[in-house]
Amino acid sequence: MNISSVSKASNPILAESGHELFLRGIETAGAIVTIQELDTNETFTGIIKHCDSSTISLRVDREDGTYQVYVIFKHAIKKFWVNPANQPPRLFQ
């Protein structure tokens, strides 16, 4: 089967584009991302565990070795970014 014979409806990864595709790449790579909330300007830095059309689940590690997973609605995001200097070395080799 070649790629042109697979419809976007039957393969959700093919349907992704723009920031959805970018987020999927960040999730797959295990990259560290920072998300800033729209209303509070609060930032969360962590690893995307899952994302869909409406939400991002972000694992944020705590100093005591535990972690918290935040479910952030995309409509509440002001901006997000990935800082190459803040990544595991394997991502940018």
Protein backbone atom coordinates (compact mmCIF):
# COMPACT_ATOMS: atom_id res chain seq x y z
CA MET A 1 0.00 0.00 0.00
CA ASN A 2 1.42 3.35 -0.90
CA ILE A 3 0.84 6.50 1.13
CA SER A 4 -1.45 8.06 -1.46
CA SER A 5 -3.94 5.20 -1.08
CA VAL A 6 -4.43 5.86 2.65
CA SER A 7 -7.11 8.43 3.38
CA LYS A 8 -6.71 11.09 6.02
CA ALA A 9 -9.97 9.92 7.61
CA SER A 10 -8.58 6.39 8.12
CA ASN A 11 -5.26 7.62 9.52
CA PRO A 12 -5.48 10.52 11.99
CA ILE A 13 -1.71 11.14 11.84
CA LEU A 14 -2.04 12.01 8.13
CA ALA A 15 -4.84 14.46 8.98
CA GLU A 16 -2.60 16.45 11.31
CA SER A 17 -0.89 19.55 10.04
CA GLY A 18 0.57 22.78 11.36
CA HIS A 19 0.79 23.00 15.13
CA GLU A 20 -0.95 19.61 15.55
CA LEU A 21 1.85 17.93 13.63
CA PHE A 22 4.45 19.97 15.54
CA LEU A 23 2.93 18.90 18.88
CA ARG A 24 2.88 15.25 17.79
CA GLY A 25 6.58 15.52 16.94
CA ILE A 26 7.34 17.02 20.36
CA GLU A 27 5.32 14.25 22.03
CA THR A 28 7.02 11.49 20.04
CA ALA A 29 10.50 12.88 20.71
CA GLY A 30 9.90 13.28 24.44
CA ALA A 31 11.04 16.89 24.18
CA ILE A 32 10.65 19.32 27.05
CA VAL A 33 8.06 22.00 26.29
CA THR A 34 6.95 25.12 28.13
CA ILE A 35 3.29 26.12 27.96
CA GLN A 36 2.01 29.55 29.03
CA GLU A 37 -1.63 29.89 30.05
CA LEU A 38 -3.72 32.58 28.43
CA ASP A 39 -5.51 34.03 31.48
CA THR A 40 -2.89 33.75 34.23
CA ASN A 41 0.38 33.81 32.24
CA GLU A 42 1.46 30.90 34.45
CA THR A 43 3.98 28.61 32.77
CA PHE A 44 4.33 24.84 32.99
CA THR A 45 7.43 23.03 31.77
CA GLY A 46 7.37 19.31 31.15
CA ILE A 47 6.96 16.47 28.68
CA ILE A 48 3.82 15.97 26.59
CA LYS A 49 2.34 12.60 27.45
CA HIS A 50 -0.64 12.92 25.12
CA CYS A 51 -2.32 15.49 22.94
CA ASP A 52 -5.54 15.51 20.97
CA SER A 53 -7.62 18.11 19.19
CA SER A 54 -8.68 19.80 22.46
CA THR A 55 -6.12 19.07 25.17
CA ILE A 56 -2.48 18.52 26.03
CA SER A 57 -1.50 16.25 28.94
CA LEU A 58 1.77 17.58 30.32
CA ARG A 59 3.92 15.68 32.84
CA VAL A 60 5.68 18.16 35.13
CA ASP A 61 8.44 16.72 37.33
CA ARG A 62 8.73 18.05 40.87
CA GLU A 63 11.92 18.66 42.85
CA ASP A 64 11.04 15.86 45.31
CA GLY A 65 11.12 13.25 42.52
CA THR A 66 7.36 13.00 42.08
CA TYR A 67 5.40 14.40 39.16
CA GLN A 68 2.03 15.90 38.30
CA VAL A 69 0.18 15.46 35.02
CA TYR A 70 -1.77 18.55 33.98
CA VAL A 71 -4.50 18.41 31.36
CA ILE A 72 -4.42 21.78 29.62
CA PHE A 73 -7.16 22.82 27.24
CA LYS A 74 -5.68 24.21 24.03
CA HIS A 75 -8.08 27.17 24.00
CA ALA A 76 -6.48 28.26 27.32
CA ILE A 77 -2.92 28.36 25.92
CA LYS A 78 -1.31 31.72 25.17
CA LYS A 79 1.84 30.18 23.67
CA PHE A 80 4.14 27.20 23.89
CA TRP A 81 7.78 26.68 23.00
CA VAL A 82 10.63 24.22 22.97
CA ASN A 83 14.06 25.44 24.05
CA PRO A 84 16.84 23.35 22.39
CA ALA A 85 19.19 24.20 25.28
CA ASN A 86 16.75 22.55 27.71
CA GLN A 87 16.56 19.15 25.96
CA PRO A 88 18.11 15.76 26.50
CA PRO A 89 21.24 15.59 24.28
CA ARG A 90 19.83 12.77 22.12
CA LEU A 91 17.18 15.07 20.60
CA PHE A 92 19.57 17.43 18.85
CA GLN A 93 22.46 15.21 17.77
